[in-house]
Amino acid sequence: LLFFYETKKYPDSFWPAPHQMPEMM
């Protein structure tokens, strides 16, 4: 939960891209 709290200014910025990258997925 602290991870979410400490990175709350980036709530969804990291998640759209991985679906286009097999290695990242």
PDBML (XML) file of the C-alpha atoms, coordinates in Angstrom:
<?xml version="1.0" encoding="UTF-8" ?>
<PDBx:datablock datablockName="MODEL"
   xmlns:PDBx="http://pdbml.pdb.org/schema/pdbx-v50.xsd"
   xmlns:xsi="http://www.w3.org/2001/XMLSchema-instance"
   xsi:schemaLocation="http://pdbml.pdb.org/schema/pdbx-v50.xsd pdbx-v50.xsd">
   <PDBx:atom_siteCategory>
      <PDBx:atom_site id="1">
         <PDBx:B_iso_or_equiv>0.00</PDBx:B_iso_or_equiv>
         <PDBx:Cartn_x>0.000</PDBx:Cartn_x>
         <PDBx:Cartn_y>0.000</PDBx:Cartn_y>
         <PDBx:Cartn_z>0.000</PDBx:Cartn_z>
         <PDBx:auth_asym_id>A</PDBx:auth_asym_id>
         <PDBx:auth_atom_id>CA</PDBx:auth_atom_id>
         <PDBx:auth_comp_id>LEU</PDBx:auth_comp_id>
         <PDBx:auth_seq_id>1</PDBx:auth_seq_id>
         <PDBx:group_PDB>ATOM</PDBx:group_PDB>
         <PDBx:label_alt_id xsi:nil="true" />
         <PDBx:label_asym_id>A</PDBx:label_asym_id>
         <PDBx:label_atom_id>CA</PDBx:label_atom_id>
         <PDBx:label_comp_id>LEU</PDBx:label_comp_id>
         <PDBx:label_entity_id>1</PDBx:label_entity_id>
         <PDBx:label_seq_id>1</PDBx:label_seq_id>
         <PDBx:occupancy>1.00</PDBx:occupancy>
         <PDBx:pdbx_PDB_model_num>1</PDBx:pdbx_PDB_model_num>
         <PDBx:type_symbol>C</PDBx:type_symbol>
      </PDBx:atom_site>
      <PDBx:atom_site id="2">
         <PDBx:B_iso_or_equiv>0.00</PDBx:B_iso_or_equiv>
         <PDBx:Cartn_x>2.876</PDBx:Cartn_x>
         <PDBx:Cartn_y>2.402</PDBx:Cartn_y>
         <PDBx:Cartn_z>0.645</PDBx:Cartn_z>
         <PDBx:auth_asym_id>A</PDBx:auth_asym_id>
         <PDBx:auth_atom_id>CA</PDBx:auth_atom_id>
         <PDBx:auth_comp_id>LEU</PDBx:auth_comp_id>
         <PDBx:auth_seq_id>2</PDBx:auth_seq_id>
         <PDBx:group_PDB>ATOM</PDBx:group_PDB>
         <PDBx:label_alt_id xsi:nil="true" />
         <PDBx:label_asym_id>A</PDBx:label_asym_id>
         <PDBx:label_atom_id>CA</PDBx:label_atom_id>
         <PDBx:label_comp_id>LEU</PDBx:label_comp_id>
         <PDBx:label_entity_id>1</PDBx:label_entity_id>
         <PDBx:label_seq_id>2</PDBx:label_seq_id>
         <PDBx:occupancy>1.00</PDBx:occupancy>
         <PDBx:pdbx_PDB_model_num>1</PDBx:pdbx_PDB_model_num>
         <PDBx:type_symbol>C</PDBx:type_symbol>
      </PDBx:atom_site>
      <PDBx:atom_site id="3">
         <PDBx:B_iso_or_equiv>0.00</PDBx:B_iso_or_equiv>
         <PDBx:Cartn_x>4.086</PDBx:Cartn_x>
         <PDBx:Cartn_y>1.736</PDBx:Cartn_y>
         <PDBx:Cartn_z>-2.898</PDBx:Cartn_z>
         <PDBx:auth_asym_id>A</PDBx:auth_asym_id>
         <PDBx:auth_atom_id>CA</PDBx:auth_atom_id>
         <PDBx:auth_comp_id>PHE</PDBx:auth_comp_id>
         <PDBx:auth_seq_id>3</PDBx:auth_seq_id>
         <PDBx:group_PDB>ATOM</PDBx:group_PDB>
         <PDBx:label_alt_id xsi:nil="true" />
         <PDBx:label_asym_id>A</PDBx:label_asym_id>
         <PDBx:label_atom_id>CA</PDBx:label_atom_id>
         <PDBx:label_comp_id>PHE</PDBx:label_comp_id>
         <PDBx:label_entity_id>1</PDBx:label_entity_id>
         <PDBx:label_seq_id>3</PDBx:label_seq_id>
         <PDBx:occupancy>1.00</PDBx:occupancy>
         <PDBx:pdbx_PDB_model_num>1</PDBx:pdbx_PDB_model_num>
         <PDBx:type_symbol>C</PDBx:type_symbol>
      </PDBx:atom_site>
      <PDBx:atom_site id="4">
         <PDBx:B_iso_or_equiv>0.00</PDBx:B_iso_or_equiv>
         <PDBx:Cartn_x>0.756</PDBx:Cartn_x>
         <PDBx:Cartn_y>3.083</PDBx:Cartn_y>
         <PDBx:Cartn_z>-4.184</PDBx:Cartn_z>
         <PDBx:auth_asym_id>A</PDBx:auth_asym_id>
         <PDBx:auth_atom_id>CA</PDBx:auth_atom_id>
         <PDBx:auth_comp_id>PHE</PDBx:auth_comp_id>
         <PDBx:auth_seq_id>4</PDBx:auth_seq_id>
         <PDBx:group_PDB>ATOM</PDBx:group_PDB>
         <PDBx:label_alt_id xsi:nil="true" />
         <PDBx:label_asym_id>A</PDBx:label_asym_id>
         <PDBx:label_atom_id>CA</PDBx:label_atom_id>
         <PDBx:label_comp_id>PHE</PDBx:label_comp_id>
         <PDBx:label_entity_id>1</PDBx:label_entity_id>
         <PDBx:label_seq_id>4</PDBx:label_seq_id>
         <PDBx:occupancy>1.00</PDBx:occupancy>
         <PDBx:pdbx_PDB_model_num>1</PDBx:pdbx_PDB_model_num>
         <PDBx:type_symbol>C</PDBx:type_symbol>
      </PDBx:atom_site>
      <PDBx:atom_site id="5">
         <PDBx:B_iso_or_equiv>0.00</PDBx:B_iso_or_equiv>
         <PDBx:Cartn_x>0.962</PDBx:Cartn_x>
         <PDBx:Cartn_y>6.003</PDBx:Cartn_y>
         <PDBx:Cartn_z>-1.765</PDBx:Cartn_z>
         <PDBx:auth_asym_id>A</PDBx:auth_asym_id>
         <PDBx:auth_atom_id>CA</PDBx:auth_atom_id>
         <PDBx:auth_comp_id>TYR</PDBx:auth_comp_id>
         <PDBx:auth_seq_id>5</PDBx:auth_seq_id>
         <PDBx:group_PDB>ATOM</PDBx:group_PDB>
         <PDBx:label_alt_id xsi:nil="true" />
         <PDBx:label_asym_id>A</PDBx:label_asym_id>
         <PDBx:label_atom_id>CA</PDBx:label_atom_id>
         <PDBx:label_comp_id>TYR</PDBx:label_comp_id>
         <PDBx:label_entity_id>1</PDBx:label_entity_id>
         <PDBx:label_seq_id>5</PDBx:label_seq_id>
         <PDBx:occupancy>1.00</PDBx:occupancy>
         <PDBx:pdbx_PDB_model_num>1</PDBx:pdbx_PDB_model_num>
         <PDBx:type_symbol>C</PDBx:type_symbol>
      </PDBx:atom_site>
      <PDBx:atom_site id="6">
         <PDBx:B_iso_or_equiv>0.00</PDBx:B_iso_or_equiv>
         <PDBx:Cartn_x>4.537</PDBx:Cartn_x>
         <PDBx:Cartn_y>6.929</PDBx:Cartn_y>
         <PDBx:Cartn_z>-2.662</PDBx:Cartn_z>
         <PDBx:auth_asym_id>A</PDBx:auth_asym_id>
         <PDBx:auth_atom_id>CA</PDBx:auth_atom_id>
         <PDBx:auth_comp_id>GLU</PDBx:auth_comp_id>
         <PDBx:auth_seq_id>6</PDBx:auth_seq_id>
         <PDBx:group_PDB>ATOM</PDBx:group_PDB>
         <PDBx:label_alt_id xsi:nil="true" />
         <PDBx:label_asym_id>A</PDBx:label_asym_id>
         <PDBx:label_atom_id>CA</PDBx:label_atom_id>
         <PDBx:label_comp_id>GLU</PDBx:label_comp_id>
         <PDBx:label_entity_id>1</PDBx:label_entity_id>
         <PDBx:label_seq_id>6</PDBx:label_seq_id>
         <PDBx:occupancy>1.00</PDBx:occupancy>
         <PDBx:pdbx_PDB_model_num>1</PDBx:pdbx_PDB_model_num>
         <PDBx:type_symbol>C</PDBx:type_symbol>
      </PDBx:atom_site>
      <PDBx:atom_site id="7">
         <PDBx:B_iso_or_equiv>0.00</PDBx:B_iso_or_equiv>
         <PDBx:Cartn_x>3.915</PDBx:Cartn_x>
         <PDBx:Cartn_y>6.716</PDBx:Cartn_y>
         <PDBx:Cartn_z>-6.417</PDBx:Cartn_z>
         <PDBx:auth_asym_id>A</PDBx:auth_asym_id>
         <PDBx:auth_atom_id>CA</PDBx:auth_atom_id>
         <PDBx:auth_comp_id>THR</PDBx:auth_comp_id>
         <PDBx:auth_seq_id>7</PDBx:auth_seq_id>
         <PDBx:group_PDB>ATOM</PDBx:group_PDB>
         <PDBx:label_alt_id xsi:nil="true" />
         <PDBx:label_asym_id>A</PDBx:label_asym_id>
         <PDBx:label_atom_id>CA</PDBx:label_atom_id>
         <PDBx:label_comp_id>THR</PDBx:label_comp_id>
         <PDBx:label_entity_id>1</PDBx:label_entity_id>
         <PDBx:label_seq_id>7</PDBx:label_seq_id>
         <PDBx:occupancy>1.00</PDBx:occupancy>
         <PDBx:pdbx_PDB_model_num>1</PDBx:pdbx_PDB_model_num>
         <PDBx:type_symbol>C</PDBx:type_symbol>
      </PDBx:atom_site>
      <PDBx:atom_site id="8">
         <PDBx:B_iso_or_equiv>0.00</PDBx:B_iso_or_equiv>
         <PDBx:Cartn_x>0.441</PDBx:Cartn_x>
         <PDBx:Cartn_y>8.236</PDBx:Cartn_y>
         <PDBx:Cartn_z>-6.412</PDBx:Cartn_z>
         <PDBx:auth_asym_id>A</PDBx:auth_asym_id>
         <PDBx:auth_atom_id>CA</PDBx:auth_atom_id>
         <PDBx:auth_comp_id>LYS</PDBx:auth_comp_id>
         <PDBx:auth_seq_id>8</PDBx:auth_seq_id>
         <PDBx:group_PDB>ATOM</PDBx:group_PDB>
         <PDBx:label_alt_id xsi:nil="true" />
         <PDBx:label_asym_id>A</PDBx:label_asym_id>
         <PDBx:label_atom_id>CA</PDBx:label_atom_id>
         <PDBx:label_comp_id>LYS</PDBx:label_comp_id>
         <PDBx:label_entity_id>1</PDBx:label_entity_id>
         <PDBx:label_seq_id>8</PDBx:label_seq_id>
         <PDBx:occupancy>1.00</PDBx:occupancy>
         <PDBx:pdbx_PDB_model_num>1</PDBx:pdbx_PDB_model_num>
         <PDBx:type_symbol>C</PDBx:type_symbol>
      </PDBx:atom_site>
      <PDBx:atom_site id="9">
         <PDBx:B_iso_or_equiv>0.00</PDBx:B_iso_or_equiv>
         <PDBx:Cartn_x>1.489</PDBx:Cartn_x>
         <PDBx:Cartn_y>11.070</PDBx:Cartn_y>
         <PDBx:Cartn_z>-8.704</PDBx:Cartn_z>
         <PDBx:auth_asym_id>A</PDBx:auth_asym_id>
         <PDBx:auth_atom_id>CA</PDBx:auth_atom_id>
         <PDBx:auth_comp_id>LYS</PDBx:auth_comp_id>
         <PDBx:auth_seq_id>9</PDBx:auth_seq_id>
         <PDBx:group_PDB>ATOM</PDBx:group_PDB>
         <PDBx:label_alt_id xsi:nil="true" />
         <PDBx:label_asym_id>A</PDBx:label_asym_id>
         <PDBx:label_atom_id>CA</PDBx:label_atom_id>
         <PDBx:label_comp_id>LYS</PDBx:label_comp_id>
         <PDBx:label_entity_id>1</PDBx:label_entity_id>
         <PDBx:label_seq_id>9</PDBx:label_seq_id>
         <PDBx:occupancy>1.00</PDBx:occupancy>
         <PDBx:pdbx_PDB_model_num>1</PDBx:pdbx_PDB_model_num>
         <PDBx:type_symbol>C</PDBx:type_symbol>
      </PDBx:atom_site>
      <PDBx:atom_site id="10">
         <PDBx:B_iso_or_equiv>0.00</PDBx:B_iso_or_equiv>
         <PDBx:Cartn_x>1.965</PDBx:Cartn_x>
         <PDBx:Cartn_y>8.435</PDBx:Cartn_y>
         <PDBx:Cartn_z>-11.421</PDBx:Cartn_z>
         <PDBx:auth_asym_id>A</PDBx:auth_asym_id>
         <PDBx:auth_atom_id>CA</PDBx:auth_atom_id>
         <PDBx:auth_comp_id>TYR</PDBx:auth_comp_id>
         <PDBx:auth_seq_id>10</PDBx:auth_seq_id>
         <PDBx:group_PDB>ATOM</PDBx:group_PDB>
         <PDBx:label_alt_id xsi:nil="true" />
         <PDBx:label_asym_id>A</PDBx:label_asym_id>
         <PDBx:label_atom_id>CA</PDBx:label_atom_id>
         <PDBx:label_comp_id>TYR</PDBx:label_comp_id>
         <PDBx:label_entity_id>1</PDBx:label_entity_id>
         <PDBx:label_seq_id>10</PDBx:label_seq_id>
         <PDBx:occupancy>1.00</PDBx:occupancy>
         <PDBx:pdbx_PDB_model_num>1</PDBx:pdbx_PDB_model_num>
         <PDBx:type_symbol>C</PDBx:type_symbol>
      </PDBx:atom_site>
      <PDBx:atom_site id="11">
         <PDBx:B_iso_or_equiv>0.00</PDBx:B_iso_or_equiv>
         <PDBx:Cartn_x>-1.298</PDBx:Cartn_x>
         <PDBx:Cartn_y>6.488</PDBx:Cartn_y>
         <PDBx:Cartn_z>-11.051</PDBx:Cartn_z>
         <PDBx:auth_asym_id>A</PDBx:auth_asym_id>
         <PDBx:auth_atom_id>CA</PDBx:auth_atom_id>
         <PDBx:auth_comp_id>PRO</PDBx:auth_comp_id>
         <PDBx:auth_seq_id>11</PDBx:auth_seq_id>
         <PDBx:group_PDB>ATOM</PDBx:group_PDB>
         <PDBx:label_alt_id xsi:nil="true" />
         <PDBx:label_asym_id>A</PDBx:label_asym_id>
         <PDBx:label_atom_id>CA</PDBx:label_atom_id>
         <PDBx:label_comp_id>PRO</PDBx:label_comp_id>
         <PDBx:label_entity_id>1</PDBx:label_entity_id>
         <PDBx:label_seq_id>11</PDBx:label_seq_id>
         <PDBx:occupancy>1.00</PDBx:occupancy>
         <PDBx:pdbx_PDB_model_num>1</PDBx:pdbx_PDB_model_num>
         <PDBx:type_symbol>C</PDBx:type_symbol>
      </PDBx:atom_site>
      <PDBx:atom_site id="12">
         <PDBx:B_iso_or_equiv>0.00</PDBx:B_iso_or_equiv>
         <PDBx:Cartn_x>-1.717</PDBx:Cartn_x>
         <PDBx:Cartn_y>5.148</PDBx:Cartn_y>
         <PDBx:Cartn_z>-14.561</PDBx:Cartn_z>
         <PDBx:auth_asym_id>A</PDBx:auth_asym_id>
         <PDBx:auth_atom_id>CA</PDBx:auth_atom_id>
         <PDBx:auth_comp_id>ASP</PDBx:auth_comp_id>
         <PDBx:auth_seq_id>12</PDBx:auth_seq_id>
         <PDBx:group_PDB>ATOM</PDBx:group_PDB>
         <PDBx:label_alt_id xsi:nil="true" />
         <PDBx:label_asym_id>A</PDBx:label_asym_id>
         <PDBx:label_atom_id>CA</PDBx:label_atom_id>
         <PDBx:label_comp_id>ASP</PDBx:label_comp_id>
         <PDBx:label_entity_id>1</PDBx:label_entity_id>
         <PDBx:label_seq_id>12</PDBx:label_seq_id>
         <PDBx:occupancy>1.00</PDBx:occupancy>
         <PDBx:pdbx_PDB_model_num>1</PDBx:pdbx_PDB_model_num>
         <PDBx:type_symbol>C</PDBx:type_symbol>
      </PDBx:atom_site>
      <PDBx:atom_site id="13">
         <PDBx:B_iso_or_equiv>0.00</PDBx:B_iso_or_equiv>
         <PDBx:Cartn_x>1.192</PDBx:Cartn_x>
         <PDBx:Cartn_y>6.519</PDBx:Cartn_y>
         <PDBx:Cartn_z>-16.551</PDBx:Cartn_z>
         <PDBx:auth_asym_id>A</PDBx:auth_asym_id>
         <PDBx:auth_atom_id>CA</PDBx:auth_atom_id>
         <PDBx:auth_comp_id>SER</PDBx:auth_comp_id>
         <PDBx:auth_seq_id>13</PDBx:auth_seq_id>
         <PDBx:group_PDB>ATOM</PDBx:group_PDB>
         <PDBx:label_alt_id xsi:nil="true" />
         <PDBx:label_asym_id>A</PDBx:label_asym_id>
         <PDBx:label_atom_id>CA</PDBx:label_atom_id>
         <PDBx:label_comp_id>SER</PDBx:label_comp_id>
         <PDBx:label_entity_id>1</PDBx:label_entity_id>
         <PDBx:label_seq_id>13</PDBx:label_seq_id>
         <PDBx:occupancy>1.00</PDBx:occupancy>
         <PDBx:pdbx_PDB_model_num>1</PDBx:pdbx_PDB_model_num>
         <PDBx:type_symbol>C</PDBx:type_symbol>
      </PDBx:atom_site>
      <PDBx:atom_site id="14">
         <PDBx:B_iso_or_equiv>0.00</PDBx:B_iso_or_equiv>
         <PDBx:Cartn_x>3.072</PDBx:Cartn_x>
         <PDBx:Cartn_y>3.222</PDBx:Cartn_y>
         <PDBx:Cartn_z>-16.618</PDBx:Cartn_z>
         <PDBx:auth_asym_id>A</PDBx:auth_asym_id>
         <PDBx:auth_atom_id>CA</PDBx:auth_atom_id>
         <PDBx:auth_comp_id>PHE</PDBx:auth_comp_id>
         <PDBx:auth_seq_id>14</PDBx:auth_seq_id>
         <PDBx:group_PDB>ATOM</PDBx:group_PDB>
         <PDBx:label_alt_id xsi:nil="true" />
         <PDBx:label_asym_id>A</PDBx:label_asym_id>
         <PDBx:label_atom_id>CA</PDBx:label_atom_id>
         <PDBx:label_comp_id>PHE</PDBx:label_comp_id>
         <PDBx:label_entity_id>1</PDBx:label_entity_id>
         <PDBx:label_seq_id>14</PDBx:label_seq_id>
         <PDBx:occupancy>1.00</PDBx:occupancy>
         <PDBx:pdbx_PDB_model_num>1</PDBx:pdbx_PDB_model_num>
         <PDBx:type_symbol>C</PDBx:type_symbol>
      </PDBx:atom_site>
      <PDBx:atom_site id="15">
         <PDBx:B_iso_or_equiv>0.00</PDBx:B_iso_or_equiv>
         <PDBx:Cartn_x>0.241</PDBx:Cartn_x>
         <PDBx:Cartn_y>0.875</PDBx:Cartn_y>
         <PDBx:Cartn_z>-17.568</PDBx:Cartn_z>
         <PDBx:auth_asym_id>A</PDBx:auth_asym_id>
         <PDBx:auth_atom_id>CA</PDBx:auth_atom_id>
         <PDBx:auth_comp_id>TRP</PDBx:auth_comp_id>
         <PDBx:auth_seq_id>15</PDBx:auth_seq_id>
         <PDBx:group_PDB>ATOM</PDBx:group_PDB>
         <PDBx:label_alt_id xsi:nil="true" />
         <PDBx:label_asym_id>A</PDBx:label_asym_id>
         <PDBx:label_atom_id>CA</PDBx:label_atom_id>
         <PDBx:label_comp_id>TRP</PDBx:label_comp_id>
         <PDBx:label_entity_id>1</PDBx:label_entity_id>
         <PDBx:label_seq_id>15</PDBx:label_seq_id>
         <PDBx:occupancy>1.00</PDBx:occupancy>
         <PDBx:pdbx_PDB_model_num>1</PDBx:pdbx_PDB_model_num>
         <PDBx:type_symbol>C</PDBx:type_symbol>
      </PDBx:atom_site>
      <PDBx:atom_site id="16">
         <PDBx:B_iso_or_equiv>0.00</PDBx:B_iso_or_equiv>
         <PDBx:Cartn_x>-1.015</PDBx:Cartn_x>
         <PDBx:Cartn_y>1.658</PDBx:Cartn_y>
         <PDBx:Cartn_z>-21.106</PDBx:Cartn_z>
         <PDBx:auth_asym_id>A</PDBx:auth_asym_id>
         <PDBx:auth_atom_id>CA</PDBx:auth_atom_id>
         <PDBx:auth_comp_id>PRO</PDBx:auth_comp_id>
         <PDBx:auth_seq_id>16</PDBx:auth_seq_id>
         <PDBx:group_PDB>ATOM</PDBx:group_PDB>
         <PDBx:label_alt_id xsi:nil="true" />
         <PDBx:label_asym_id>A</PDBx:label_asym_id>
         <PDBx:label_atom_id>CA</PDBx:label_atom_id>
         <PDBx:label_comp_id>PRO</PDBx:label_comp_id>
         <PDBx:label_entity_id>1</PDBx:label_entity_id>
         <PDBx:label_seq_id>16</PDBx:label_seq_id>
         <PDBx:occupancy>1.00</PDBx:occupancy>
         <PDBx:pdbx_PDB_model_num>1</PDBx:pdbx_PDB_model_num>
         <PDBx:type_symbol>C</PDBx:type_symbol>
      </PDBx:atom_site>
      <PDBx:atom_site id="17">
         <PDBx:B_iso_or_equiv>0.00</PDBx:B_iso_or_equiv>
         <PDBx:Cartn_x>2.219</PDBx:Cartn_x>
         <PDBx:Cartn_y>0.748</PDBx:Cartn_y>
         <PDBx:Cartn_z>-22.903</PDBx:Cartn_z>
         <PDBx:auth_asym_id>A</PDBx:auth_asym_id>
         <PDBx:auth_atom_id>CA</PDBx:auth_atom_id>
         <PDBx:auth_comp_id>ALA</PDBx:auth_comp_id>
         <PDBx:auth_seq_id>17</PDBx:auth_seq_id>
         <PDBx:group_PDB>ATOM</PDBx:group_PDB>
         <PDBx:label_alt_id xsi:nil="true" />
         <PDBx:label_asym_id>A</PDBx:label_asym_id>
         <PDBx:label_atom_id>CA</PDBx:label_atom_id>
         <PDBx:label_comp_id>ALA</PDBx:label_comp_id>
         <PDBx:label_entity_id>1</PDBx:label_entity_id>
         <PDBx:label_seq_id>17</PDBx:label_seq_id>
         <PDBx:occupancy>1.00</PDBx:occupancy>
         <PDBx:pdbx_PDB_model_num>1</PDBx:pdbx_PDB_model_num>
         <PDBx:type_symbol>C</PDBx:type_symbol>
      </PDBx:atom_site>
      <PDBx:atom_site id="18">
         <PDBx:B_iso_or_equiv>0.00</PDBx:B_iso_or_equiv>
         <PDBx:Cartn_x>3.026</PDBx:Cartn_x>
         <PDBx:Cartn_y>-2.802</PDBx:Cartn_y>
         <PDBx:Cartn_z>-21.719</PDBx:Cartn_z>
         <PDBx:auth_asym_id>A</PDBx:auth_asym_id>
         <PDBx:auth_atom_id>CA</PDBx:auth_atom_id>
         <PDBx:auth_comp_id>PRO</PDBx:auth_comp_id>
         <PDBx:auth_seq_id>18</PDBx:auth_seq_id>
         <PDBx:group_PDB>ATOM</PDBx:group_PDB>
         <PDBx:label_alt_id xsi:nil="true" />
         <PDBx:label_asym_id>A</PDBx:label_asym_id>
         <PDBx:label_atom_id>CA</PDBx:label_atom_id>
         <PDBx:label_comp_id>PRO</PDBx:label_comp_id>
         <PDBx:label_entity_id>1</PDBx:label_entity_id>
         <PDBx:label_seq_id>18</PDBx:label_seq_id>
         <PDBx:occupancy>1.00</PDBx:occupancy>
         <PDBx:pdbx_PDB_model_num>1</PDBx:pdbx_PDB_model_num>
         <PDBx:type_symbol>C</PDBx:type_symbol>
      </PDBx:atom_site>
      <PDBx:atom_site id="19">
         <PDBx:B_iso_or_equiv>0.00</PDBx:B_iso_or_equiv>
         <PDBx:Cartn_x>0.168</PDBx:Cartn_x>
         <PDBx:Cartn_y>-4.323</PDBx:Cartn_y>
         <PDBx:Cartn_z>-23.674</PDBx:Cartn_z>
         <PDBx:auth_asym_id>A</PDBx:auth_asym_id>
         <PDBx:auth_atom_id>CA</PDBx:auth_atom_id>
         <PDBx:auth_comp_id>HIS</PDBx:auth_comp_id>
         <PDBx:auth_seq_id>19</PDBx:auth_seq_id>
         <PDBx:group_PDB>ATOM</PDBx:group_PDB>
         <PDBx:label_alt_id xsi:nil="true" />
         <PDBx:label_asym_id>A</PDBx:label_asym_id>
         <PDBx:label_atom_id>CA</PDBx:label_atom_id>
         <PDBx:label_comp_id>HIS</PDBx:label_comp_id>
         <PDBx:label_entity_id>1</PDBx:label_entity_id>
         <PDBx:label_seq_id>19</PDBx:label_seq_id>
         <PDBx:occupancy>1.00</PDBx:occupancy>
         <PDBx:pdbx_PDB_model_num>1</PDBx:pdbx_PDB_model_num>
         <PDBx:type_symbol>C</PDBx:type_symbol>
      </PDBx:atom_site>
      <PDBx:atom_site id="20">
         <PDBx:B_iso_or_equiv>0.00</PDBx:B_iso_or_equiv>
         <PDBx:Cartn_x>2.012</PDBx:Cartn_x>
         <PDBx:Cartn_y>-3.414</PDBx:Cartn_y>
         <PDBx:Cartn_z>-26.877</PDBx:Cartn_z>
         <PDBx:auth_asym_id>A</PDBx:auth_asym_id>
         <PDBx:auth_atom_id>CA</PDBx:auth_atom_id>
         <PDBx:auth_comp_id>GLN</PDBx:auth_comp_id>
         <PDBx:auth_seq_id>20</PDBx:auth_seq_id>
         <PDBx:group_PDB>ATOM</PDBx:group_PDB>
         <PDBx:label_alt_id xsi:nil="true" />
         <PDBx:label_asym_id>A</PDBx:label_asym_id>
         <PDBx:label_atom_id>CA</PDBx:label_atom_id>
         <PDBx:label_comp_id>GLN</PDBx:label_comp_id>
         <PDBx:label_entity_id>1</PDBx:label_entity_id>
         <PDBx:label_seq_id>20</PDBx:label_seq_id>
         <PDBx:occupancy>1.00</PDBx:occupancy>
         <PDBx:pdbx_PDB_model_num>1</PDBx:pdbx_PDB_model_num>
         <PDBx:type_symbol>C</PDBx:type_symbol>
      </PDBx:atom_site>
      <PDBx:atom_site id="21">
         <PDBx:B_iso_or_equiv>0.00</PDBx:B_iso_or_equiv>
         <PDBx:Cartn_x>5.290</PDBx:Cartn_x>
         <PDBx:Cartn_y>-4.958</PDBx:Cartn_y>
         <PDBx:Cartn_z>-25.698</PDBx:Cartn_z>
         <PDBx:auth_asym_id>A</PDBx:auth_asym_id>
         <PDBx:auth_atom_id>CA</PDBx:auth_atom_id>
         <PDBx:auth_comp_id>MET</PDBx:auth_comp_id>
         <PDBx:auth_seq_id>21</PDBx:auth_seq_id>
         <PDBx:group_PDB>ATOM</PDBx:group_PDB>
         <PDBx:label_alt_id xsi:nil="true" />
         <PDBx:label_asym_id>A</PDBx:label_asym_id>
         <PDBx:label_atom_id>CA</PDBx:label_atom_id>
         <PDBx:label_comp_id>MET</PDBx:label_comp_id>
         <PDBx:label_entity_id>1</PDBx:label_entity_id>
         <PDBx:label_seq_id>21</PDBx:label_seq_id>
         <PDBx:occupancy>1.00</PDBx:occupancy>
         <PDBx:pdbx_PDB_model_num>1</PDBx:pdbx_PDB_model_num>
         <PDBx:type_symbol>C</PDBx:type_symbol>
      </PDBx:atom_site>
      <PDBx:atom_site id="22">
         <PDBx:B_iso_or_equiv>0.00</PDBx:B_iso_or_equiv>
         <PDBx:Cartn_x>5.473</PDBx:Cartn_x>
         <PDBx:Cartn_y>-8.734</PDBx:Cartn_y>
         <PDBx:Cartn_z>-25.433</PDBx:Cartn_z>
         <PDBx:auth_asym_id>A</PDBx:auth_asym_id>
         <PDBx:auth_atom_id>CA</PDBx:auth_atom_id>
         <PDBx:auth_comp_id>PRO</PDBx:auth_comp_id>
         <PDBx:auth_seq_id>22</PDBx:auth_seq_id>
         <PDBx:group_PDB>ATOM</PDBx:group_PDB>
         <PDBx:label_alt_id xsi:nil="true" />
         <PDBx:label_asym_id>A</PDBx:label_asym_id>
         <PDBx:label_atom_id>CA</PDBx:label_atom_id>
         <PDBx:label_comp_id>PRO</PDBx:label_comp_id>
         <PDBx:label_entity_id>1</PDBx:label_entity_id>
         <PDBx:label_seq_id>22</PDBx:label_seq_id>
         <PDBx:occupancy>1.00</PDBx:occupancy>
         <PDBx:pdbx_PDB_model_num>1</PDBx:pdbx_PDB_model_num>
         <PDBx:type_symbol>C</PDBx:type_symbol>
      </PDBx:atom_site>
      <PDBx:atom_site id="23">
         <PDBx:B_iso_or_equiv>0.00</PDBx:B_iso_or_equiv>
         <PDBx:Cartn_x>8.754</PDBx:Cartn_x>
         <PDBx:Cartn_y>-8.614</PDBx:Cartn_y>
         <PDBx:Cartn_z>-23.472</PDBx:Cartn_z>
         <PDBx:auth_asym_id>A</PDBx:auth_asym_id>
         <PDBx:auth_atom_id>CA</PDBx:auth_atom_id>
         <PDBx:auth_comp_id>GLU</PDBx:auth_comp_id>
         <PDBx:auth_seq_id>23</PDBx:auth_seq_id>
         <PDBx:group_PDB>ATOM</PDBx:group_PDB>
         <PDBx:label_alt_id xsi:nil="true" />
         <PDBx:label_asym_id>A</PDBx:label_asym_id>
         <PDBx:label_atom_id>CA</PDBx:label_atom_id>
         <PDBx:label_comp_id>GLU</PDBx:label_comp_id>
         <PDBx:label_entity_id>1</PDBx:label_entity_id>
         <PDBx:label_seq_id>23</PDBx:label_seq_id>
         <PDBx:occupancy>1.00</PDBx:occupancy>
         <PDBx:pdbx_PDB_model_num>1</PDBx:pdbx_PDB_model_num>
         <PDBx:type_symbol>C</PDBx:type_symbol>
      </PDBx:atom_site>
      <PDBx:atom_site id="24">
         <PDBx:B_iso_or_equiv>0.00</PDBx:B_iso_or_equiv>
         <PDBx:Cartn_x>7.251</PDBx:Cartn_x>
         <PDBx:Cartn_y>-6.200</PDBx:Cartn_y>
         <PDBx:Cartn_z>-20.950</PDBx:Cartn_z>
         <PDBx:auth_asym_id>A</PDBx:auth_asym_id>
         <PDBx:auth_atom_id>CA</PDBx:auth_atom_id>
         <PDBx:auth_comp_id>MET</PDBx:auth_comp_id>
         <PDBx:auth_seq_id>24</PDBx:auth_seq_id>
         <PDBx:group_PDB>ATOM</PDBx:group_PDB>
         <PDBx:label_alt_id xsi:nil="true" />
         <PDBx:label_asym_id>A</PDBx:label_asym_id>
         <PDBx:label_atom_id>CA</PDBx:label_atom_id>
         <PDBx:label_comp_id>MET</PDBx:label_comp_id>
         <PDBx:label_entity_id>1</PDBx:label_entity_id>
         <PDBx:label_seq_id>24</PDBx:label_seq_id>
         <PDBx:occupancy>1.00</PDBx:occupancy>
         <PDBx:pdbx_PDB_model_num>1</PDBx:pdbx_PDB_model_num>
         <PDBx:type_symbol>C</PDBx:type_symbol>
      </PDBx:atom_site>
      <PDBx:atom_site id="25">
         <PDBx:B_iso_or_equiv>0.00</PDBx:B_iso_or_equiv>
         <PDBx:Cartn_x>4.095</PDBx:Cartn_x>
         <PDBx:Cartn_y>-8.282</PDBx:Cartn_y>
         <PDBx:Cartn_z>-20.597</PDBx:Cartn_z>
         <PDBx:auth_asym_id>A</PDBx:auth_asym_id>
         <PDBx:auth_atom_id>CA</PDBx:auth_atom_id>
         <PDBx:auth_comp_id>MET</PDBx:auth_comp_id>
         <PDBx:auth_seq_id>25</PDBx:auth_seq_id>
         <PDBx:group_PDB>ATOM</PDBx:group_PDB>
         <PDBx:label_alt_id xsi:nil="true" />
         <PDBx:label_asym_id>A</PDBx:label_asym_id>
         <PDBx:label_atom_id>CA</PDBx:label_atom_id>
         <PDBx:label_comp_id>MET</PDBx:label_comp_id>
         <PDBx:label_entity_id>1</PDBx:label_entity_id>
         <PDBx:label_seq_id>25</PDBx:label_seq_id>
         <PDBx:occupancy>1.00</PDBx:occupancy>
         <PDBx:pdbx_PDB_model_num>1</PDBx:pdbx_PDB_model_num>
         <PDBx:type_symbol>C</PDBx:type_symbol>
      </PDBx:atom_site>
   </PDBx:atom_siteCategory>
</PDBx:datablock>
